[in-house]
Amino acid sequence: MLLFGTGAVNQSYAVPPLVAGDVPTAEKGHVELYVGTRYQKTGSIEMQLPSTEIVYGISSKQEVTFEIPYLLMAGQDGFGDGVLGTKYLFLPETDKRPGIAGSFEAKLDNGSRSRGLGTGAIDYDLRVRAQKSWGWFTGIFNLGYTFIGEPKVSGVRQEKNNVFFSAFVQEYALNAKTRLLSEVYWETGEEPGAPDRLAADVGFKHSLLPNLSVHGAVGKSLREGNRGGPKLRIYAGMKLEF
């Protein structure tokens, strides 16, 4: 998943439709393909059409991911920065304890910064995830830190702040096929002097077939005047497993 951050063109944190990520990994030898469209407005309009992520289970406890967006923004279009990542399941969830996982992702520098499609530097994201279910309710907690690369413009390094991130997700099982989602997340500003972001999303996941599901979410800033953004975030997509 790509998230339009407080300052970057994109940051990767989780698979759609939310900003936060879950704990379970893809089954060994299985592929999960996510394809969707994201619209976000944070002062100016930014859009991805489409966003594609591939997840592959390399063991019973680890997966690897690759994603690439096609960006339409500020009159420019083209591929944005790709992301390579991995997630490892340290502790599976049991009746008595939550599941614990850690993830590492590197946002690459392949998108054109001059055209506004890339950040011009590589970012590294570390995240700890915890998840526990109680009957029809599941709670998910994320805590992360992103090392933001500082690009050079005309030989001058552009100052950036590393980013702290935390989120709490609530998942409600309506039935065997449909789940409602909500989340609240906070992240510090990437640009020096930029305000922190406090925002929320609500969404759903629905299984159409054993290996095909659809999902979506809509959200916005919780701060007065949408301070820190976004004014609006919409995602709609599908997940295919094979």
C-alpha atoms as a PDB file:
ATOM      1  CA  MET A   1       0.000   0.000   0.000  1.00  0.00           C
ATOM      2  CA  LEU A   2       1.169   3.501  -0.668  1.00  0.00           C
ATOM      3  CA  LEU A   3       0.301   6.302   1.659  1.00  0.00           C
ATOM      4  CA  PHE A   4       0.550   9.946   0.696  1.00  0.00           C
ATOM      5  CA  GLY A   5       2.454  11.222   3.714  1.00  0.00           C
ATOM      6  CA  THR A   6       2.770  14.639   5.237  1.00  0.00           C
ATOM      7  CA  GLY A   7       5.607  15.546   2.941  1.00  0.00           C
ATOM      8  CA  ALA A   8       6.651  12.621   0.745  1.00  0.00           C
ATOM      9  CA  VAL A   9       5.151  11.663  -2.568  1.00  0.00           C
ATOM     10  CA  ASN A  10       4.521   8.234  -1.104  1.00  0.00           C
ATOM     11  CA  GLN A  11       5.352   6.108   1.881  1.00  0.00           C
ATOM     12  CA  SER A  12       4.666   2.416   2.281  1.00  0.00           C
ATOM     13  CA  TYR A  13       3.170   1.102   5.472  1.00  0.00           C
ATOM     14  CA  ALA A  14       0.693  -1.683   4.861  1.00  0.00           C
ATOM     15  CA  VAL A  15      -1.543  -3.538   2.468  1.00  0.00           C
ATOM     16  CA  PRO A  16      -4.884  -1.872   1.568  1.00  0.00           C
ATOM     17  CA  PRO A  17      -7.360  -0.574   2.403  1.00  0.00           C
ATOM     18  CA  LEU A  18      -6.074   0.941   5.677  1.00  0.00           C
ATOM     19  CA  VAL A  19      -2.884   2.807   6.567  1.00  0.00           C
ATOM     20  CA  ALA A  20      -1.980   0.405   9.394  1.00  0.00           C
ATOM     21  CA  GLY A  21      -0.914  -3.197   8.772  1.00  0.00           C
ATOM     22  CA  ASP A  22      -1.938  -6.552  10.237  1.00  0.00           C
ATOM     23  CA  VAL A  23       0.172  -9.342  11.762  1.00  0.00           C
ATOM     24  CA  PRO A  24      -0.458 -12.564   9.753  1.00  0.00           C
ATOM     25  CA  THR A  25       1.835 -13.313   6.788  1.00  0.00           C
ATOM     26  CA  ALA A  26       0.951 -14.879   3.445  1.00  0.00           C
ATOM     27  CA  GLU A  27       0.924 -18.681   3.465  1.00  0.00           C
ATOM     28  CA  LYS A  28       4.123 -20.370   2.290  1.00  0.00           C
ATOM     29  CA  GLY A  29       4.212 -20.550  -1.507  1.00  0.00           C
ATOM     30  CA  HIS A  30       1.078 -18.396  -1.883  1.00  0.00           C
ATOM     31  CA  VAL A  31       0.793 -15.071  -3.722  1.00  0.00           C
ATOM     32  CA  GLU A  32      -1.483 -12.188  -2.728  1.00  0.00           C
ATOM     33  CA  LEU A  33      -2.110  -9.562  -5.411  1.00  0.00           C
ATOM     34  CA  TYR A  34      -3.599  -6.198  -4.441  1.00  0.00           C
ATOM     35  CA  VAL A  35      -4.871  -3.843  -7.159  1.00  0.00           C
ATOM     36  CA  GLY A  36      -6.752  -0.637  -6.432  1.00  0.00           C
ATOM     37  CA  THR A  37      -7.225   3.078  -6.881  1.00  0.00           C
ATOM     38  CA  ARG A  38      -6.475   5.742  -4.305  1.00  0.00           C
ATOM     39  CA  TYR A  39      -7.555   9.376  -4.259  1.00  0.00           C
ATOM     40  CA  GLN A  40      -6.207  11.785  -1.690  1.00  0.00           C
ATOM     41  CA  LYS A  41      -6.492  15.529  -1.234  1.00  0.00           C
ATOM     42  CA  THR A  42      -4.006  17.288   1.034  1.00  0.00           C
ATOM     43  CA  GLY A  43      -3.990  20.871  -0.145  1.00  0.00           C
ATOM     44  CA  SER A  44      -3.487  19.719  -3.731  1.00  0.00           C
ATOM     45  CA  ILE A  45      -5.066  16.710  -5.424  1.00  0.00           C
ATOM     46  CA  GLU A  46      -2.986  13.540  -5.728  1.00  0.00           C
ATOM     47  CA  MET A  47      -4.107  10.286  -7.295  1.00  0.00           C
ATOM     48  CA  GLN A  48      -2.771   6.804  -7.927  1.00  0.00           C
ATOM     49  CA  LEU A  49      -4.276   4.848 -10.808  1.00  0.00           C
ATOM     50  CA  PRO A  50      -3.686   2.032 -10.191  1.00  0.00           C
ATOM     51  CA  SER A  51      -1.660   0.941  -7.163  1.00  0.00           C
ATOM     52  CA  THR A  52      -0.368  -2.645  -7.351  1.00  0.00           C
ATOM     53  CA  GLU A  53       1.263  -4.759  -4.629  1.00  0.00           C
ATOM     54  CA  ILE A  54       2.474  -8.370  -4.755  1.00  0.00           C
ATOM     55  CA  VAL A  55       2.974 -10.359  -1.537  1.00  0.00           C
ATOM     56  CA  TYR A  56       4.660 -13.793  -1.527  1.00  0.00           C
ATOM     57  CA  GLY A  57       4.965 -16.180   1.408  1.00  0.00           C
ATOM     58  CA  ILE A  58       8.521 -17.530   1.515  1.00  0.00           C
ATOM     59  CA  SER A  59       7.960 -19.528   4.726  1.00  0.00           C
ATOM     60  CA  SER A  60       5.268 -20.181   7.321  1.00  0.00           C
ATOM     61  CA  LYS A  61       6.412 -17.034   9.155  1.00  0.00           C
ATOM     62  CA  GLN A  62       7.805 -14.658   6.519  1.00  0.00           C
ATOM     63  CA  GLU A  63       6.610 -12.859   3.417  1.00  0.00           C
ATOM     64  CA  VAL A  64       8.212 -10.505   0.903  1.00  0.00           C
ATOM     65  CA  THR A  65       6.469  -7.655  -0.885  1.00  0.00           C
ATOM     66  CA  PHE A  66       6.914  -5.409  -3.897  1.00  0.00           C
ATOM     67  CA  GLU A  67       4.697  -2.530  -4.913  1.00  0.00           C
ATOM     68  CA  ILE A  68       4.666   0.155  -7.559  1.00  0.00           C
ATOM     69  CA  PRO A  69       2.204   3.039  -8.059  1.00  0.00           C
ATOM     70  CA  TYR A  70       1.210   4.814 -11.239  1.00  0.00           C
ATOM     71  CA  LEU A  71       0.744   8.438 -10.208  1.00  0.00           C
ATOM     72  CA  LEU A  72      -1.494  11.124 -11.678  1.00  0.00           C
ATOM     73  CA  MET A  73      -0.786  14.387  -9.893  1.00  0.00           C
ATOM     74  CA  ALA A  74      -0.140  18.074 -10.582  1.00  0.00           C
ATOM     75  CA  GLY A  75      -0.480  17.537 -14.325  1.00  0.00           C
ATOM     76  CA  GLN A  76       2.144  14.786 -14.346  1.00  0.00           C
ATOM     77  CA  ASP A  77       1.761  11.029 -14.731  1.00  0.00           C
ATOM     78  CA  GLY A  78       4.120   8.081 -14.529  1.00  0.00           C
ATOM     79  CA  PHE A  79       5.453   5.402 -12.211  1.00  0.00           C
ATOM     80  CA  GLY A  80       6.305   6.556  -8.701  1.00  0.00           C
ATOM     81  CA  ASP A  81       8.875   5.157  -6.284  1.00  0.00           C
ATOM     82  CA  GLY A  82       8.659   1.390  -5.844  1.00  0.00           C
ATOM     83  CA  VAL A  83       8.826  -0.338  -2.466  1.00  0.00           C
ATOM     84  CA  LEU A  84      10.528  -3.583  -1.404  1.00  0.00           C
ATOM     85  CA  GLY A  85       9.696  -5.086   1.972  1.00  0.00           C
ATOM     86  CA  THR A  86       9.402  -8.096   4.219  1.00  0.00           C
ATOM     87  CA  LYS A  87       7.331  -9.060   7.273  1.00  0.00           C
ATOM     88  CA  TYR A  88       8.248 -11.708   9.868  1.00  0.00           C
ATOM     89  CA  LEU A  89       5.852 -13.335  12.342  1.00  0.00           C
ATOM     90  CA  PHE A  90       7.640 -13.547  15.707  1.00  0.00           C
ATOM     91  CA  LEU A  91       4.695 -14.882  17.734  1.00  0.00           C
ATOM     92  CA  PRO A  92       1.459 -16.330  16.324  1.00  0.00           C
ATOM     93  CA  GLU A  93      -1.725 -15.287  18.092  1.00  0.00           C
ATOM     94  CA  THR A  94      -3.175 -17.664  20.702  1.00  0.00           C
ATOM     95  CA  ASP A  95      -6.154 -17.559  23.068  1.00  0.00           C
ATOM     96  CA  LYS A  96      -3.936 -16.038  25.755  1.00  0.00           C
ATOM     97  CA  ARG A  97      -1.575 -13.718  23.877  1.00  0.00           C
ATOM     98  CA  PRO A  98      -1.576 -11.395  20.844  1.00  0.00           C
ATOM     99  CA  GLY A  99       0.279 -12.124  17.639  1.00  0.00           C
ATOM    100  CA  ILE A 100       3.465 -10.102  17.158  1.00  0.00           C
ATOM    101  CA  ALA A 101       5.178  -9.311  13.829  1.00  0.00           C
ATOM    102  CA  GLY A 102       7.852  -6.946  12.569  1.00  0.00           C
ATOM    103  CA  SER A 103       8.289  -5.445   9.118  1.00  0.00           C
ATOM    104  CA  PHE A 104      11.020  -3.665   7.183  1.00  0.00           C
ATOM    105  CA  GLU A 105      10.485  -1.740   3.957  1.00  0.00           C
ATOM    106  CA  ALA A 106      12.668   0.315   1.648  1.00  0.00           C
ATOM    107  CA  LYS A 107      11.079   2.966  -0.554  1.00  0.00           C
ATOM    108  CA  LEU A 108      13.246   3.178  -3.645  1.00  0.00           C
ATOM    109  CA  ASP A 109      14.355   6.191  -5.677  1.00  0.00           C
ATOM    110  CA  ASN A 110      13.128   5.284  -9.153  1.00  0.00           C
ATOM    111  CA  GLY A 111      10.394   7.910  -9.612  1.00  0.00           C
ATOM    112  CA  SER A 112      11.214  11.256 -11.225  1.00  0.00           C
ATOM    113  CA  ARG A 113      11.614  13.953  -8.559  1.00  0.00           C
ATOM    114  CA  SER A 114      11.765  16.705 -11.192  1.00  0.00           C
ATOM    115  CA  ARG A 115       8.291  15.677 -12.385  1.00  0.00           C
ATOM    116  CA  GLY A 116       6.938  15.328  -8.840  1.00  0.00           C
ATOM    117  CA  LEU A 117       6.656  11.525  -9.073  1.00  0.00           C
ATOM    118  CA  GLY A 118       9.426  10.589  -6.619  1.00  0.00           C
ATOM    119  CA  THR A 119      11.056  11.907  -3.458  1.00  0.00           C
ATOM    120  CA  GLY A 120      14.614  11.812  -4.822  1.00  0.00           C
ATOM    121  CA  ALA A 121      15.921   9.638  -1.964  1.00  0.00           C
ATOM    122  CA  ILE A 122      15.529   6.218  -0.351  1.00  0.00           C
ATOM    123  CA  ASP A 123      13.483   5.809   2.856  1.00  0.00           C
ATOM    124  CA  TYR A 124      13.622   2.903   5.327  1.00  0.00           C
ATOM    125  CA  ASP A 125      10.627   1.958   7.476  1.00  0.00           C
ATOM    126  CA  LEU A 126      10.650  -0.271  10.575  1.00  0.00           C
ATOM    127  CA  ARG A 127       7.410  -1.348  12.231  1.00  0.00           C
ATOM    128  CA  VAL A 128       6.183  -3.539  15.076  1.00  0.00           C
ATOM    129  CA  ARG A 129       2.648  -4.930  14.835  1.00  0.00           C
ATOM    130  CA  ALA A 130       0.432  -6.616  17.444  1.00  0.00           C
ATOM    131  CA  GLN A 131      -2.974  -8.231  16.906  1.00  0.00           C
ATOM    132  CA  LYS A 132      -5.556  -9.955  19.126  1.00  0.00           C
ATOM    133  CA  SER A 133      -9.104 -11.191  18.495  1.00  0.00           C
ATOM    134  CA  TRP A 134     -11.951 -11.533  20.989  1.00  0.00           C
ATOM    135  CA  GLY A 135     -14.868 -13.239  19.258  1.00  0.00           C
ATOM    136  CA  TRP A 136     -16.223 -10.878  16.590  1.00  0.00           C
ATOM    137  CA  PHE A 137     -13.773  -8.057  17.451  1.00  0.00           C
ATOM    138  CA  THR A 138     -10.085  -7.775  16.477  1.00  0.00           C
ATOM    139  CA  GLY A 139      -7.715  -5.052  17.657  1.00  0.00           C
ATOM    140  CA  ILE A 140      -4.488  -4.229  15.799  1.00  0.00           C
ATOM    141  CA  PHE A 141      -1.729  -1.896  16.997  1.00  0.00           C
ATOM    142  CA  ASN A 142       1.197  -0.511  14.940  1.00  0.00           C
ATOM    143  CA  LEU A 143       4.273   1.386  16.101  1.00  0.00           C
ATOM    144  CA  GLY A 144       6.819   2.497  13.499  1.00  0.00           C
ATOM    145  CA  TYR A 145       9.749   4.718  12.646  1.00  0.00           C
ATOM    146  CA  THR A 146      10.793   5.825   9.143  1.00  0.00           C
ATOM    147  CA  PHE A 147      14.283   7.019   8.256  1.00  0.00           C
ATOM    148  CA  ILE A 148      13.606   9.665   5.594  1.00  0.00           C
ATOM    149  CA  GLY A 149      16.258  10.180   2.916  1.00  0.00           C
ATOM    150  CA  GLU A 150      17.351  13.739   2.179  1.00  0.00           C
ATOM    151  CA  PRO A 151      17.462  14.469  -1.572  1.00  0.00           C
ATOM    152  CA  LYS A 152      19.827  16.961  -3.195  1.00  0.00           C
ATOM    153  CA  VAL A 153      18.516  19.802  -5.334  1.00  0.00           C
ATOM    154  CA  SER A 154      21.179  21.675  -7.335  1.00  0.00           C
ATOM    155  CA  GLY A 155      23.769  20.091  -5.039  1.00  0.00           C
ATOM    156  CA  VAL A 156      22.037  21.288  -1.856  1.00  0.00           C
ATOM    157  CA  ARG A 157      20.742  18.640   0.557  1.00  0.00           C
ATOM    158  CA  GLN A 158      17.092  19.154   1.497  1.00  0.00           C
ATOM    159  CA  GLU A 159      16.502  18.772   5.236  1.00  0.00           C
ATOM    160  CA  LYS A 160      13.935  16.143   6.269  1.00  0.00           C
ATOM    161  CA  ASN A 161      12.697  14.800   9.592  1.00  0.00           C
ATOM    162  CA  ASN A 162      12.464  11.097  10.381  1.00  0.00           C
ATOM    163  CA  VAL A 163       8.870  10.058  11.052  1.00  0.00           C
ATOM    164  CA  PHE A 164       7.252   8.362  14.065  1.00  0.00           C
ATOM    165  CA  PHE A 165       4.025   6.469  13.369  1.00  0.00           C
ATOM    166  CA  SER A 166       1.387   4.774  15.524  1.00  0.00           C
ATOM    167  CA  ALA A 167      -2.065   3.396  14.766  1.00  0.00           C
ATOM    168  CA  PHE A 168      -4.922   1.466  16.332  1.00  0.00           C
ATOM    169  CA  VAL A 169      -7.272  -0.576  14.121  1.00  0.00           C
ATOM    170  CA  GLN A 170     -10.677  -1.987  15.027  1.00  0.00           C
ATOM    171  CA  GLU A 171     -12.083  -4.845  12.946  1.00  0.00           C
ATOM    172  CA  TYR A 172     -15.665  -6.095  13.364  1.00  0.00           C
ATOM    173  CA  ALA A 173     -16.839  -9.426  11.866  1.00  0.00           C
ATOM    174  CA  LEU A 174     -20.426  -9.061  10.623  1.00  0.00           C
ATOM    175  CA  ASN A 175     -20.453 -12.595   9.212  1.00  0.00           C
ATOM    176  CA  ALA A 176     -18.100 -15.125   7.622  1.00  0.00           C
ATOM    177  CA  LYS A 177     -17.607 -12.966   4.517  1.00  0.00           C
ATOM    178  CA  THR A 178     -17.850  -9.324   5.629  1.00  0.00           C
ATOM    179  CA  ARG A 179     -15.812  -7.252   8.076  1.00  0.00           C
ATOM    180  CA  LEU A 180     -16.102  -3.583   8.975  1.00  0.00           C
ATOM    181  CA  LEU A 181     -12.903  -1.630   9.676  1.00  0.00           C
ATOM    182  CA  SER A 182     -11.903   1.549  11.449  1.00  0.00           C
ATOM    183  CA  GLU A 183      -8.571   3.068  12.428  1.00  0.00           C
ATOM    184  CA  VAL A 184      -7.025   6.108  14.062  1.00  0.00           C
ATOM    185  CA  TYR A 185      -3.405   6.938  13.241  1.00  0.00           C
ATOM    186  CA  TRP A 186      -0.811   9.570  14.119  1.00  0.00           C
ATOM    187  CA  GLU A 187       2.478  10.454  12.435  1.00  0.00           C
ATOM    188  CA  THR A 188       4.964  13.259  12.837  1.00  0.00           C
ATOM    189  CA  GLY A 189       5.695  15.733  10.057  1.00  0.00           C
ATOM    190  CA  GLU A 190       8.399  14.923   7.528  1.00  0.00           C
ATOM    191  CA  GLU A 191       9.079  18.506   6.461  1.00  0.00           C
ATOM    192  CA  PRO A 192      10.766  20.742   9.085  1.00  0.00           C
ATOM    193  CA  GLY A 193       8.043  22.695  10.861  1.00  0.00           C
ATOM    194  CA  ALA A 194       5.233  20.638   9.322  1.00  0.00           C
ATOM    195  CA  PRO A 195       2.321  19.760  11.643  1.00  0.00           C
ATOM    196  CA  ASP A 196       1.777  16.229  12.906  1.00  0.00           C
ATOM    197  CA  ARG A 197      -1.017  14.209  11.330  1.00  0.00           C
ATOM    198  CA  LEU A 198      -3.929  12.777  13.330  1.00  0.00           C
ATOM    199  CA  ALA A 199      -6.448  11.083  11.050  1.00  0.00           C
ATOM    200  CA  ALA A 200      -8.962   8.259  10.817  1.00  0.00           C
ATOM    201  CA  ASP A 201     -10.423   5.857   8.247  1.00  0.00           C
ATOM    202  CA  VAL A 202     -13.496   3.633   8.088  1.00  0.00           C
ATOM    203  CA  GLY A 203     -13.867   0.806   5.609  1.00  0.00           C
ATOM    204  CA  PHE A 204     -14.823  -2.784   4.834  1.00  0.00           C
ATOM    205  CA  LYS A 205     -13.566  -6.110   3.493  1.00  0.00           C
ATOM    206  CA  HIS A 206     -15.893  -8.555   1.694  1.00  0.00           C
ATOM    207  CA  SER A 207     -15.099 -11.998   0.299  1.00  0.00           C
ATOM    208  CA  LEU A 208     -16.674 -12.669  -3.115  1.00  0.00           C
ATOM    209  CA  LEU A 209     -14.963 -16.023  -3.709  1.00  0.00           C
ATOM    210  CA  PRO A 210     -12.535 -18.150  -1.660  1.00  0.00           C
ATOM    211  CA  ASN A 211      -9.592 -16.455  -3.418  1.00  0.00           C
ATOM    212  CA  LEU A 212     -11.119 -13.071  -4.326  1.00  0.00           C
ATOM    213  CA  SER A 213     -12.210 -10.196  -2.097  1.00  0.00           C
ATOM    214  CA  VAL A 214     -12.996  -6.503  -2.442  1.00  0.00           C
ATOM    215  CA  HIS A 215     -12.264  -3.746   0.051  1.00  0.00           C
ATOM    216  CA  GLY A 216     -12.430  -0.002   0.472  1.00  0.00           C
ATOM    217  CA  ALA A 217     -11.981   2.850   2.936  1.00  0.00           C
ATOM    218  CA  VAL A 218     -12.606   6.560   3.328  1.00  0.00           C
ATOM    219  CA  GLY A 219     -11.056   8.927   5.845  1.00  0.00           C
ATOM    220  CA  LYS A 220      -9.771  12.376   6.737  1.00  0.00           C
ATOM    221  CA  SER A 221      -7.857  14.425   9.286  1.00  0.00           C
ATOM    222  CA  LEU A 222      -9.256  14.680  12.808  1.00  0.00           C
ATOM    223  CA  ARG A 223      -7.570  18.028  13.482  1.00  0.00           C
ATOM    224  CA  GLU A 224      -9.292  21.402  13.180  1.00  0.00           C
ATOM    225  CA  GLY A 225      -9.067  22.748   9.653  1.00  0.00           C
ATOM    226  CA  ASN A 226      -7.665  19.390   8.509  1.00  0.00           C
ATOM    227  CA  ARG A 227      -4.303  20.473   9.912  1.00  0.00           C
ATOM    228  CA  GLY A 228      -1.641  17.919   8.942  1.00  0.00           C
ATOM    229  CA  GLY A 229      -4.001  16.427   6.341  1.00  0.00           C
ATOM    230  CA  PRO A 230      -5.525  14.716   4.589  1.00  0.00           C
ATOM    231  CA  LYS A 231      -8.690  16.588   3.724  1.00  0.00           C
ATOM    232  CA  LEU A 232      -9.961  13.395   2.101  1.00  0.00           C
ATOM    233  CA  ARG A 233      -8.599   9.898   1.463  1.00  0.00           C
ATOM    234  CA  ILE A 234     -10.494   7.260  -0.556  1.00  0.00           C
ATOM    235  CA  TYR A 235      -9.334   3.769  -1.505  1.00  0.00           C
ATOM    236  CA  ALA A 236     -11.137   1.022  -3.440  1.00  0.00           C
ATOM    237  CA  GLY A 237      -9.580  -2.201  -4.645  1.00  0.00           C
ATOM    238  CA  MET A 238      -9.464  -5.972  -4.738  1.00  0.00           C
ATOM    239  CA  LYS A 239      -7.307  -8.822  -3.440  1.00  0.00           C
ATOM    240  CA  LEU A 240      -6.575 -12.028  -5.390  1.00  0.00           C
ATOM    241  CA  GLU A 241      -4.882 -15.047  -3.786  1.00  0.00           C
ATOM    242  CA  PHE A 242      -3.301 -17.978  -5.641  1.00  0.00           C
END
